[in-house]
Structures are given as structure tokens and as C-alpha cells.
Amino acid sequence: MIGIAEWIRSHPQEVVIIRLSTAAAPDTARADHSEAVTAPAAAIGGGAGHPYLADGSLSPTSTYARFLAAGKRVVLIDDMATTDRPWAWGPRRADLPGQLRAG
């Protein structure tokens, strides 16, 4: 994740979409996946409060320009919706187009 975090910092005009998927034992799957969501956020989120991570102020229909204007350069998709963190987009919010609209 350090390499990804450095790339994000050095490319401020890019929006990166990361979709997390895990495989774990059934009795620990939820906790393990939640940890898998939280750890990258700490590494790539841009510091305290995760300012780079897209939150509820944006949606899959938001334009590229809106993401950049908000300073949100990373969409972290939690396919299992294991956290209630505003920057961990669950599967319902994660229906992103292959490319953000320029708008």
C-alpha cells in the first residue's frame, strides 16, 4: 500500500478506484474484511480523517471535476459493506462507470 499511497500523492489529478475483496474463515470473515478496509484507508487516505477518500458528499454519478474540487482522489469500495465509515463505499454505492465523466 505504501507504493500506491506514494503514487496517489504524486498524481494529484488522478482519481483511483480500489475495490476490496477478501477470503477468510466464516467465523472471522466480517472482522477480517473490516480490518482489510480500514488498513488501506490509513495508508492511502491522505492522513488524519482520510481527506483523500471519497465520502457521502460524492456518488457514482459525480463528475471527475467534482471529485478533484472536493479533494477526493480515492474511492474505496467495500464489497461486503462491513463498516459504516462514510469513505468505505458499499456495493450499492459502488456502481461506478468505467470512467468518470469530465463535467
PDB file of N, CA and C in Angstrom:
ATOM      1  N   MET A   1       0.811  -1.204   0.000  1.00  0.00           N
ATOM      2  CA  MET A   1       0.000   0.000   0.000  1.00  0.00           C
ATOM      3  C   MET A   1       0.853   1.267   0.000  1.00  0.00           C
ATOM      4  N   ILE A   2       2.057   1.183   0.515  1.00  0.00           N
ATOM      5  CA  ILE A   2       2.916   2.367   0.559  1.00  0.00           C
ATOM      6  C   ILE A   2       3.171   2.882  -0.856  1.00  0.00           C
ATOM      7  N   GLY A   3       3.448   1.969  -1.784  1.00  0.00           N
ATOM      8  CA  GLY A   3       3.688   2.374  -3.169  1.00  0.00           C
ATOM      9  C   GLY A   3       2.474   3.039  -3.788  1.00  0.00           C
ATOM     10  N   ILE A   4       1.300   2.511  -3.503  1.00  0.00           N
ATOM     11  CA  ILE A   4       0.059   3.111  -4.012  1.00  0.00           C
ATOM     12  C   ILE A   4      -0.142   4.492  -3.392  1.00  0.00           C
ATOM     13  N   ALA A   5       0.104   4.602  -2.089  1.00  0.00           N
ATOM     14  CA  ALA A   5      -0.049   5.896  -1.401  1.00  0.00           C
ATOM     15  C   ALA A   5       0.886   6.941  -1.995  1.00  0.00           C
ATOM     16  N   GLU A   6       2.125   6.553  -2.266  1.00  0.00           N
ATOM     17  CA  GLU A   6       3.078   7.490  -2.877  1.00  0.00           C
ATOM     18  C   GLU A   6       2.613   7.902  -4.272  1.00  0.00           C
ATOM     19  N   TRP A   7       2.099   6.947  -5.042  1.00  0.00           N
ATOM     20  CA  TRP A   7       1.621   7.262  -6.385  1.00  0.00           C
ATOM     21  C   TRP A   7       0.455   8.239  -6.315  1.00  0.00           C
ATOM     22  N   ILE A   8      -0.469   8.021  -5.393  1.00  0.00           N
ATOM     23  CA  ILE A   8      -1.627   8.913  -5.246  1.00  0.00           C
ATOM     24  C   ILE A   8      -1.159  10.320  -4.891  1.00  0.00           C
ATOM     25  N   ARG A   9      -0.215  10.435  -3.960  1.00  0.00           N
ATOM     26  CA  ARG A   9       0.305  11.754  -3.575  1.00  0.00           C
ATOM     27  C   ARG A   9       0.989  12.447  -4.745  1.00  0.00           C
ATOM     28  N   SER A  10       1.688  11.699  -5.580  1.00  0.00           N
ATOM     29  CA  SER A  10       2.441  12.317  -6.675  1.00  0.00           C
ATOM     30  C   SER A  10       1.614  12.519  -7.952  1.00  0.00           C
ATOM     31  N   HIS A  11       0.353  12.098  -7.938  1.00  0.00           N
ATOM     32  CA  HIS A  11      -0.541  12.278  -9.096  1.00  0.00           C
ATOM     33  C   HIS A  11      -1.852  12.919  -8.635  1.00  0.00           C
ATOM     34  N   PRO A  12      -1.802  14.188  -8.255  1.00  0.00           N
ATOM     35  CA  PRO A  12      -2.988  14.842  -7.670  1.00  0.00           C
ATOM     36  C   PRO A  12      -4.154  15.049  -8.637  1.00  0.00           C
ATOM     37  N   GLN A  13      -3.962  14.814  -9.917  1.00  0.00           N
ATOM     38  CA  GLN A  13      -5.051  14.980 -10.875  1.00  0.00           C
ATOM     39  C   GLN A  13      -5.697  13.644 -11.248  1.00  0.00           C
ATOM     40  N   GLU A  14      -5.385  12.594 -10.527  1.00  0.00           N
ATOM     41  CA  GLU A  14      -5.933  11.271 -10.797  1.00  0.00           C
ATOM     42  C   GLU A  14      -6.928  10.871  -9.716  1.00  0.00           C
ATOM     43  N   VAL A  15      -7.930  10.104 -10.091  1.00  0.00           N
ATOM     44  CA  VAL A  15      -8.873   9.503  -9.143  1.00  0.00           C
ATOM     45  C   VAL A  15      -8.686   7.995  -9.252  1.00  0.00           C
ATOM     46  N   VAL A  16      -8.401   7.361  -8.121  1.00  0.00           N
ATOM     47  CA  VAL A  16      -8.109   5.938  -8.074  1.00  0.00           C
ATOM     48  C   VAL A  16      -9.289   5.207  -7.440  1.00  0.00           C
ATOM     49  N   ILE A  17      -9.704   4.119  -8.051  1.00  0.00           N
ATOM     50  CA  ILE A  17     -10.796   3.299  -7.516  1.00  0.00           C
ATOM     51  C   ILE A  17     -10.213   1.975  -7.061  1.00  0.00           C
ATOM     52  N   ILE A  18     -10.402   1.661  -5.778  1.00  0.00           N
ATOM     53  CA  ILE A  18      -9.895   0.412  -5.218  1.00  0.00           C
ATOM     54  C   ILE A  18     -11.075  -0.388  -4.695  1.00  0.00           C
ATOM     55  N   ARG A  19     -11.238  -1.582  -5.220  1.00  0.00           N
ATOM     56  CA  ARG A  19     -12.317  -2.484  -4.781  1.00  0.00           C
ATOM     57  C   ARG A  19     -11.670  -3.598  -3.960  1.00  0.00           C
ATOM     58  N   LEU A  20     -12.113  -3.723  -2.703  1.00  0.00           N
ATOM     59  CA  LEU A  20     -11.548  -4.729  -1.806  1.00  0.00           C
ATOM     60  C   LEU A  20     -12.388  -5.989  -1.784  1.00  0.00           C
ATOM     61  N   SER A  21     -11.698  -7.098  -1.852  1.00  0.00           N
ATOM     62  CA  SER A  21     -12.336  -8.397  -1.763  1.00  0.00           C
ATOM     63  C   SER A  21     -11.444  -9.270  -0.892  1.00  0.00           C
ATOM     64  N   THR A  22     -12.030 -10.012   0.025  1.00  0.00           N
ATOM     65  CA  THR A  22     -11.235 -10.856   0.912  1.00  0.00           C
ATOM     66  C   THR A  22     -11.802 -12.266   0.945  1.00  0.00           C
ATOM     67  N   ALA A  23     -10.981 -13.185   1.388  1.00  0.00           N
ATOM     68  CA  ALA A  23     -11.403 -14.555   1.644  1.00  0.00           C
ATOM     69  C   ALA A  23     -10.909 -14.897   3.046  1.00  0.00           C
ATOM     70  N   ALA A  24     -11.816 -15.298   3.911  1.00  0.00           N
ATOM     71  CA  ALA A  24     -11.444 -15.589   5.299  1.00  0.00           C
ATOM     72  C   ALA A  24     -12.357 -16.676   5.841  1.00  0.00           C
ATOM     73  N   ALA A  25     -11.957 -17.223   6.969  1.00  0.00           N
ATOM     74  CA  ALA A  25     -12.773 -18.231   7.639  1.00  0.00           C
ATOM     75  C   ALA A  25     -14.119 -17.617   8.020  1.00  0.00           C
ATOM     76  N   PRO A  26     -15.211 -18.365   7.881  1.00  0.00           N
ATOM     77  CA  PRO A  26     -16.545 -17.811   8.146  1.00  0.00           C
ATOM     78  C   PRO A  26     -16.705 -17.152   9.521  1.00  0.00           C
ATOM     79  N   ASP A  27     -16.070 -17.722  10.541  1.00  0.00           N
ATOM     80  CA  ASP A  27     -16.250 -17.164  11.881  1.00  0.00           C
ATOM     81  C   ASP A  27     -15.512 -15.842  12.093  1.00  0.00           C
ATOM     82  N   THR A  28     -14.552 -15.511  11.242  1.00  0.00           N
ATOM     83  CA  THR A  28     -13.824 -14.244  11.378  1.00  0.00           C
ATOM     84  C   THR A  28     -13.939 -13.362  10.134  1.00  0.00           C
ATOM     85  N   ALA A  29     -14.717 -13.786   9.164  1.00  0.00           N
ATOM     86  CA  ALA A  29     -14.768 -13.083   7.870  1.00  0.00           C
ATOM     87  C   ALA A  29     -15.140 -11.616   8.009  1.00  0.00           C
ATOM     88  N   ARG A  30     -16.169 -11.298   8.765  1.00  0.00           N
ATOM     89  CA  ARG A  30     -16.604  -9.906   8.879  1.00  0.00           C
ATOM     90  C   ARG A  30     -15.518  -9.033   9.510  1.00  0.00           C
ATOM     91  N   ALA A  31     -14.943  -9.487  10.596  1.00  0.00           N
ATOM     92  CA  ALA A  31     -13.890  -8.718  11.266  1.00  0.00           C
ATOM     93  C   ALA A  31     -12.651  -8.600  10.383  1.00  0.00           C
ATOM     94  N   ASP A  32     -12.288  -9.702   9.734  1.00  0.00           N
ATOM     95  CA  ASP A  32     -11.118  -9.675   8.862  1.00  0.00           C
ATOM     96  C   ASP A  32     -11.321  -8.714   7.696  1.00  0.00           C
ATOM     97  N   HIS A  33     -12.496  -8.733   7.101  1.00  0.00           N
ATOM     98  CA  HIS A  33     -12.758  -7.836   5.975  1.00  0.00           C
ATOM     99  C   HIS A  33     -12.794  -6.381   6.449  1.00  0.00           C
ATOM    100  N   SER A  34     -13.375  -6.141   7.600  1.00  0.00           N
ATOM    101  CA  SER A  34     -13.412  -4.785   8.149  1.00  0.00           C
ATOM    102  C   SER A  34     -11.991  -4.255   8.353  1.00  0.00           C
ATOM    103  N   GLU A  35     -11.120  -5.105   8.860  1.00  0.00           N
ATOM    104  CA  GLU A  35      -9.717  -4.719   9.031  1.00  0.00           C
ATOM    105  C   GLU A  35      -9.062  -4.461   7.671  1.00  0.00           C
ATOM    106  N   ALA A  36      -9.410  -5.270   6.682  1.00  0.00           N
ATOM    107  CA  ALA A  36      -8.862  -5.099   5.332  1.00  0.00           C
ATOM    108  C   ALA A  36      -9.318  -3.791   4.703  1.00  0.00           C
ATOM    109  N   VAL A  37     -10.448  -3.272   5.113  1.00  0.00           N
ATOM    110  CA  VAL A  37     -10.939  -1.979   4.623  1.00  0.00           C
ATOM    111  C   VAL A  37     -10.228  -0.842   5.350  1.00  0.00           C
ATOM    112  N   THR A  38     -10.072  -0.971   6.649  1.00  0.00           N
ATOM    113  CA  THR A  38      -9.509   0.097   7.474  1.00  0.00           C
ATOM    114  C   THR A  38      -8.012   0.293   7.232  1.00  0.00           C
ATOM    115  N   ALA A  39      -7.255  -0.778   7.083  1.00  0.00           N
ATOM    116  CA  ALA A  39      -5.805  -0.673   6.908  1.00  0.00           C
ATOM    117  C   ALA A  39      -5.412   0.120   5.655  1.00  0.00           C
ATOM    118  N   PRO A  40      -5.975  -0.168   4.482  1.00  0.00           N
ATOM    119  CA  PRO A  40      -5.612   0.637   3.310  1.00  0.00           C
ATOM    120  C   PRO A  40      -6.036   2.096   3.448  1.00  0.00           C
ATOM    121  N   ALA A  41      -7.165   2.317   4.103  1.00  0.00           N
ATOM    122  CA  ALA A  41      -7.622   3.700   4.292  1.00  0.00           C
ATOM    123  C   ALA A  41      -6.576   4.501   5.049  1.00  0.00           C
ATOM    124  N   ALA A  42      -5.983   3.892   6.062  1.00  0.00           N
ATOM    125  CA  ALA A  42      -4.947   4.570   6.830  1.00  0.00           C
ATOM    126  C   ALA A  42      -3.717   4.852   5.969  1.00  0.00           C
ATOM    127  N   ALA A  43      -3.394   3.925   5.076  1.00  0.00           N
ATOM    128  CA  ALA A  43      -2.201   4.074   4.236  1.00  0.00           C
ATOM    129  C   ALA A  43      -2.391   5.054   3.087  1.00  0.00           C
ATOM    130  N   ILE A  44      -3.575   5.068   2.483  1.00  0.00           N
ATOM    131  CA  ILE A  44      -3.764   5.863   1.257  1.00  0.00           C
ATOM    132  C   ILE A  44      -4.706   7.043   1.422  1.00  0.00           C
ATOM    133  N   GLY A  45      -5.263   7.217   2.606  1.00  0.00           N
ATOM    134  CA  GLY A  45      -6.296   8.228   2.801  1.00  0.00           C
ATOM    135  C   GLY A  45      -5.837   9.659   2.905  1.00  0.00           C
ATOM    136  N   GLY A  46      -4.531   9.909   2.936  1.00  0.00           N
ATOM    137  CA  GLY A  46      -4.047  11.276   2.977  1.00  0.00           C
ATOM    138  C   GLY A  46      -3.885  11.850   4.367  1.00  0.00           C
ATOM    139  N   GLY A  47      -3.815  11.006   5.380  1.00  0.00           N
ATOM    140  CA  GLY A  47      -3.587  11.493   6.739  1.00  0.00           C
ATOM    141  C   GLY A  47      -4.829  11.447   7.605  1.00  0.00           C
ATOM    142  N   ALA A  48      -4.784  12.203   8.704  1.00  0.00           N
ATOM    143  CA  ALA A  48      -5.871  12.205   9.692  1.00  0.00           C
ATOM    144  C   ALA A  48      -7.197  12.555   9.047  1.00  0.00           C
ATOM    145  N   GLY A  49      -8.213  11.744   9.324  1.00  0.00           N
ATOM    146  CA  GLY A  49      -9.535  11.975   8.756  1.00  0.00           C
ATOM    147  C   GLY A  49      -9.703  11.484   7.332  1.00  0.00           C
ATOM    148  N   HIS A  50      -8.646  10.952   6.748  1.00  0.00           N
ATOM    149  CA  HIS A  50      -8.680  10.397   5.386  1.00  0.00           C
ATOM    150  C   HIS A  50      -9.223  11.395   4.348  1.00  0.00           C
ATOM    151  N   PRO A  51      -8.593  12.559   4.225  1.00  0.00           N
ATOM    152  CA  PRO A  51      -9.131  13.580   3.317  1.00  0.00           C
ATOM    153  C   PRO A  51      -9.174  13.195   1.843  1.00  0.00           C
ATOM    154  N   TYR A  52      -8.368  12.226   1.411  1.00  0.00           N
ATOM    155  CA  TYR A  52      -8.375  11.833   0.000  1.00  0.00           C
ATOM    156  C   TYR A  52      -9.531  10.903  -0.343  1.00  0.00           C
ATOM    157  N   LEU A  53     -10.124  10.246   0.650  1.00  0.00           N
ATOM    158  CA  LEU A  53     -11.134   9.228   0.375  1.00  0.00           C
ATOM    159  C   LEU A  53     -12.503   9.839   0.096  1.00  0.00           C
ATOM    160  N   ALA A  54     -13.106   9.427  -1.004  1.00  0.00           N
ATOM    161  CA  ALA A  54     -14.445   9.901  -1.364  1.00  0.00           C
ATOM    162  C   ALA A  54     -15.430   9.465  -0.291  1.00  0.00           C
ATOM    163  N   ASP A  55     -16.297  10.374   0.103  1.00  0.00           N
ATOM    164  CA  ASP A  55     -17.268  10.083   1.158  1.00  0.00           C
ATOM    165  C   ASP A  55     -18.682  10.269   0.638  1.00  0.00           C
ATOM    166  N   GLY A  56     -19.625  10.443   1.546  1.00  0.00           N
ATOM    167  CA  GLY A  56     -21.030  10.583   1.170  1.00  0.00           C
ATOM    168  C   GLY A  56     -21.360  11.841   0.394  1.00  0.00           C
ATOM    169  N   SER A  57     -20.425  12.789   0.304  1.00  0.00           N
ATOM    170  CA  SER A  57     -20.686  14.008  -0.465  1.00  0.00           C
ATOM    171  C   SER A  57     -20.603  13.758  -1.969  1.00  0.00           C
ATOM    172  N   LEU A  58     -20.081  12.593  -2.359  1.00  0.00           N
ATOM    173  CA  LEU A  58     -19.949  12.229  -3.769  1.00  0.00           C
ATOM    174  C   LEU A  58     -20.720  10.947  -4.042  1.00  0.00           C
ATOM    175  N   SER A  59     -20.938  10.671  -5.306  1.00  0.00           N
ATOM    176  CA  SER A  59     -21.672   9.468  -5.693  1.00  0.00           C
ATOM    177  C   SER A  59     -21.082   8.935  -6.993  1.00  0.00           C
ATOM    178  N   PRO A  60     -21.530   7.761  -7.422  1.00  0.00           N
ATOM    179  CA  PRO A  60     -21.039   7.230  -8.694  1.00  0.00           C
ATOM    180  C   PRO A  60     -21.342   8.134  -9.886  1.00  0.00           C
ATOM    181  N   THR A  61     -22.306   9.020  -9.759  1.00  0.00           N
ATOM    182  CA  THR A  61     -22.620   9.922 -10.867  1.00  0.00           C
ATOM    183  C   THR A  61     -21.883  11.253 -10.775  1.00  0.00           C
ATOM    184  N   SER A  62     -21.097  11.459  -9.721  1.00  0.00           N
ATOM    185  CA  SER A  62     -20.314  12.691  -9.603  1.00  0.00           C
ATOM    186  C   SER A  62     -19.277  12.747 -10.720  1.00  0.00           C
ATOM    187  N   THR A  63     -18.992  13.941 -11.170  1.00  0.00           N
ATOM    188  CA  THR A  63     -18.021  14.104 -12.250  1.00  0.00           C
ATOM    189  C   THR A  63     -16.595  14.075 -11.718  1.00  0.00           C
ATOM    190  N   TYR A  64     -15.680  13.856 -12.629  1.00  0.00           N
ATOM    191  CA  TYR A  64     -14.249  13.894 -12.313  1.00  0.00           C
ATOM    192  C   TYR A  64     -13.904  15.242 -11.683  1.00  0.00           C
ATOM    193  N   ALA A  65     -14.401  16.325 -12.263  1.00  0.00           N
ATOM    194  CA  ALA A  65     -14.123  17.662 -11.750  1.00  0.00           C
ATOM    195  C   ALA A  65     -14.628  17.820 -10.315  1.00  0.00           C
ATOM    196  N   ARG A  66     -15.769  17.236 -10.016  1.00  0.00           N
ATOM    197  CA  ARG A  66     -16.314  17.339  -8.656  1.00  0.00           C
ATOM    198  C   ARG A  66     -15.450  16.571  -7.656  1.00  0.00           C
ATOM    199  N   PHE A  67     -14.968  15.393  -8.057  1.00  0.00           N
ATOM    200  CA  PHE A  67     -14.054  14.647  -7.183  1.00  0.00           C
ATOM    201  C   PHE A  67     -12.829  15.501  -6.865  1.00  0.00           C
ATOM    202  N   LEU A  68     -12.203  16.071  -7.891  1.00  0.00           N
ATOM    203  CA  LEU A  68     -10.996  16.869  -7.676  1.00  0.00           C
ATOM    204  C   LEU A  68     -11.276  18.127  -6.879  1.00  0.00           C
ATOM    205  N   ALA A  69     -12.386  18.794  -7.161  1.00  0.00           N
ATOM    206  CA  ALA A  69     -12.734  20.009  -6.417  1.00  0.00           C
ATOM    207  C   ALA A  69     -12.920  19.714  -4.930  1.00  0.00           C
ATOM    208  N   ALA A  70     -13.417  18.534  -4.623  1.00  0.00           N
ATOM    209  CA  ALA A  70     -13.620  18.131  -3.230  1.00  0.00           C
ATOM    210  C   ALA A  70     -12.330  17.594  -2.605  1.00  0.00           C
ATOM    211  N   GLY A  71     -11.280  17.455  -3.412  1.00  0.00           N
ATOM    212  CA  GLY A  71     -10.020  16.912  -2.906  1.00  0.00           C
ATOM    213  C   GLY A  71     -10.075  15.415  -2.655  1.00  0.00           C
ATOM    214  N   LYS A  72     -11.062  14.759  -3.244  1.00  0.00           N
ATOM    215  CA  LYS A  72     -11.249  13.314  -3.054  1.00  0.00           C
ATOM    216  C   LYS A  72     -10.658  12.578  -4.247  1.00  0.00           C
ATOM    217  N   ARG A  73      -9.576  11.853  -3.992  1.00  0.00           N
ATOM    218  CA  ARG A  73      -8.852  11.225  -5.091  1.00  0.00           C
ATOM    219  C   ARG A  73      -8.873   9.707  -5.035  1.00  0.00           C
ATOM    220  N   VAL A  74      -9.546   9.140  -4.039  1.00  0.00           N
ATOM    221  CA  VAL A  74      -9.600   7.690  -3.915  1.00  0.00           C
ATOM    222  C   VAL A  74     -11.016   7.249  -3.574  1.00  0.00           C
ATOM    223  N   VAL A  75     -11.535   6.277  -4.320  1.00  0.00           N
ATOM    224  CA  VAL A  75     -12.806   5.634  -3.995  1.00  0.00           C
ATOM    225  C   VAL A  75     -12.446   4.245  -3.485  1.00  0.00           C
ATOM    226  N   LEU A  76     -12.778   3.977  -2.233  1.00  0.00           N
ATOM    227  CA  LEU A  76     -12.504   2.685  -1.612  1.00  0.00           C
ATOM    228  C   LEU A  76     -13.818   1.926  -1.523  1.00  0.00           C
ATOM    229  N   ILE A  77     -13.909   0.830  -2.257  1.00  0.00           N
ATOM    230  CA  ILE A  77     -15.151   0.072  -2.336  1.00  0.00           C
ATOM    231  C   ILE A  77     -15.066  -1.156  -1.429  1.00  0.00           C
ATOM    232  N   ASP A  78     -16.003  -1.230  -0.508  1.00  0.00           N
ATOM    233  CA  ASP A  78     -16.107  -2.342   0.438  1.00  0.00           C
ATOM    234  C   ASP A  78     -17.249  -3.231  -0.032  1.00  0.00           C
ATOM    235  N   ASP A  79     -16.937  -4.241  -0.824  1.00  0.00           N
ATOM    236  CA  ASP A  79     -17.967  -5.103  -1.409  1.00  0.00           C
ATOM    237  C   ASP A  79     -18.844  -5.810  -0.387  1.00  0.00           C
ATOM    238  N   MET A  80     -18.331  -5.991   0.817  1.00  0.00           N
ATOM    239  CA  MET A  80     -19.108  -6.698   1.837  1.00  0.00           C
ATOM    240  C   MET A  80     -19.833  -5.746   2.780  1.00  0.00           C
ATOM    241  N   ALA A  81     -19.630  -4.442   2.610  1.00  0.00           N
ATOM    242  CA  ALA A  81     -20.280  -3.426   3.454  1.00  0.00           C
ATOM    243  C   ALA A  81     -20.110  -3.752   4.935  1.00  0.00           C
ATOM    244  N   THR A  82     -18.863  -3.941   5.361  1.00  0.00           N
ATOM    245  CA  THR A  82     -18.596  -4.343   6.733  1.00  0.00           C
ATOM    246  C   THR A  82     -18.374  -3.181   7.690  1.00  0.00           C
ATOM    247  N   THR A  83     -18.275  -1.974   7.178  1.00  0.00           N
ATOM    248  CA  THR A  83     -18.078  -0.832   8.064  1.00  0.00           C
ATOM    249  C   THR A  83     -19.151   0.214   7.785  1.00  0.00           C
ATOM    250  N   ASP A  84     -19.316   1.112   8.709  1.00  0.00           N
ATOM    251  CA  ASP A  84     -20.256   2.216   8.496  1.00  0.00           C
ATOM    252  C   ASP A  84     -19.498   3.512   8.223  1.00  0.00           C
ATOM    253  N   ARG A  85     -18.256   3.394   7.849  1.00  0.00           N
ATOM    254  CA  ARG A  85     -17.437   4.576   7.572  1.00  0.00           C
ATOM    255  C   ARG A  85     -17.907   5.231   6.272  1.00  0.00           C
ATOM    256  N   PRO A  86     -18.020   6.554   6.282  1.00  0.00           N
ATOM    257  CA  PRO A  86     -18.539   7.240   5.083  1.00  0.00           C
ATOM    258  C   PRO A  86     -17.632   7.115   3.864  1.00  0.00           C
ATOM    259  N   TRP A  87     -16.369   6.817   4.074  1.00  0.00           N
ATOM    260  CA  TRP A  87     -15.425   6.695   2.962  1.00  0.00           C
ATOM    261  C   TRP A  87     -15.303   5.264   2.443  1.00  0.00           C
ATOM    262  N   ALA A  88     -16.009   4.328   3.021  1.00  0.00           N
ATOM    263  CA  ALA A  88     -15.990   2.948   2.515  1.00  0.00           C
ATOM    264  C   ALA A  88     -17.308   2.721   1.787  1.00  0.00           C
ATOM    265  N   TRP A  89     -17.284   2.881   0.487  1.00  0.00           N
ATOM    266  CA  TRP A  89     -18.500   2.748  -0.308  1.00  0.00           C
ATOM    267  C   TRP A  89     -18.926   1.293  -0.348  1.00  0.00           C
ATOM    268  N   GLY A  90     -20.149   1.034   0.023  1.00  0.00           N
ATOM    269  CA  GLY A  90     -20.702  -0.317  -0.044  1.00  0.00           C
ATOM    270  C   GLY A  90     -21.074  -0.675  -1.467  1.00  0.00           C
ATOM    271  N   PRO A  91     -21.501  -1.912  -1.679  1.00  0.00           N
ATOM    272  CA  PRO A  91     -21.795  -2.368  -3.045  1.00  0.00           C
ATOM    273  C   PRO A  91     -22.895  -1.573  -3.740  1.00  0.00           C
ATOM    274  N   ARG A  92     -23.841  -1.017  -2.992  1.00  0.00           N
ATOM    275  CA  ARG A  92     -24.915  -0.241  -3.638  1.00  0.00           C
ATOM    276  C   ARG A  92     -24.418   1.092  -4.176  1.00  0.00           C
ATOM    277  N   ARG A  93     -23.412   1.680  -3.529  1.00  0.00           N
ATOM    278  CA  ARG A  93     -22.871   2.966  -3.985  1.00  0.00           C
ATOM    279  C   ARG A  93     -21.755   2.777  -4.988  1.00  0.00           C
ATOM    280  N   ALA A  94     -21.307   1.567  -5.167  1.00  0.00           N
ATOM    281  CA  ALA A  94     -20.089   1.328  -5.925  1.00  0.00           C
ATOM    282  C   ALA A  94     -20.313   1.013  -7.393  1.00  0.00           C
ATOM    283  N   ASP A  95     -21.475   1.296  -7.911  1.00  0.00           N
ATOM    284  CA  ASP A  95     -21.735   1.019  -9.318  1.00  0.00           C
ATOM    285  C   ASP A  95     -21.144   2.144 -10.158  1.00  0.00           C
ATOM    286  N   LEU A  96     -19.829   2.186 -10.177  1.00  0.00           N
ATOM    287  CA  LEU A  96     -19.123   3.250 -10.887  1.00  0.00           C
ATOM    288  C   LEU A  96     -18.984   2.932 -12.359  1.00  0.00           C
ATOM    289  N   PRO A  97     -19.038   3.949 -13.184  1.00  0.00           N
ATOM    290  CA  PRO A  97     -18.766   3.718 -14.598  1.00  0.00           C
ATOM    291  C   PRO A  97     -17.288   3.399 -14.757  1.00  0.00           C
ATOM    292  N   GLY A  98     -16.921   2.850 -15.871  1.00  0.00           N
ATOM    293  CA  GLY A  98     -15.509   2.553 -16.130  1.00  0.00           C
ATOM    294  C   GLY A  98     -14.664   3.802 -16.175  1.00  0.00           C
ATOM    295  N   GLN A  99     -15.303   4.934 -16.369  1.00  0.00           N
ATOM    296  CA  GLN A  99     -14.598   6.190 -16.479  1.00  0.00           C
ATOM    297  C   GLN A  99     -15.484   7.295 -15.917  1.00  0.00           C
ATOM    298  N   LEU A 100     -14.922   8.179 -15.112  1.00  0.00           N
ATOM    299  CA  LEU A 100     -15.704   9.295 -14.562  1.00  0.00           C
ATOM    300  C   LEU A 100     -15.961  10.323 -15.657  1.00  0.00           C
ATOM    301  N   ARG A 101     -17.129  10.935 -15.606  1.00  0.00           N
ATOM    302  CA  ARG A 101     -17.461  11.990 -16.568  1.00  0.00           C
ATOM    303  C   ARG A 101     -16.605  13.212 -16.277  1.00  0.00           C
ATOM    304  N   ALA A 102     -16.154  13.894 -17.305  1.00  0.00           N
ATOM    305  CA  ALA A 102     -15.286  15.051 -17.149  1.00  0.00           C
ATOM    306  C   ALA A 102     -15.994  16.216 -16.470  1.00  0.00           C
ATOM    307  N   GLY A 103     -17.249  16.477 -16.834  1.00  0.00           N
ATOM    308  CA  GLY A 103     -18.108  17.540 -16.347  1.00  0.00           C
ATOM    309  C   GLY A 103     -17.535  18.449 -15.416  1.00  0.00           C
TER     310      GLY A 103
END
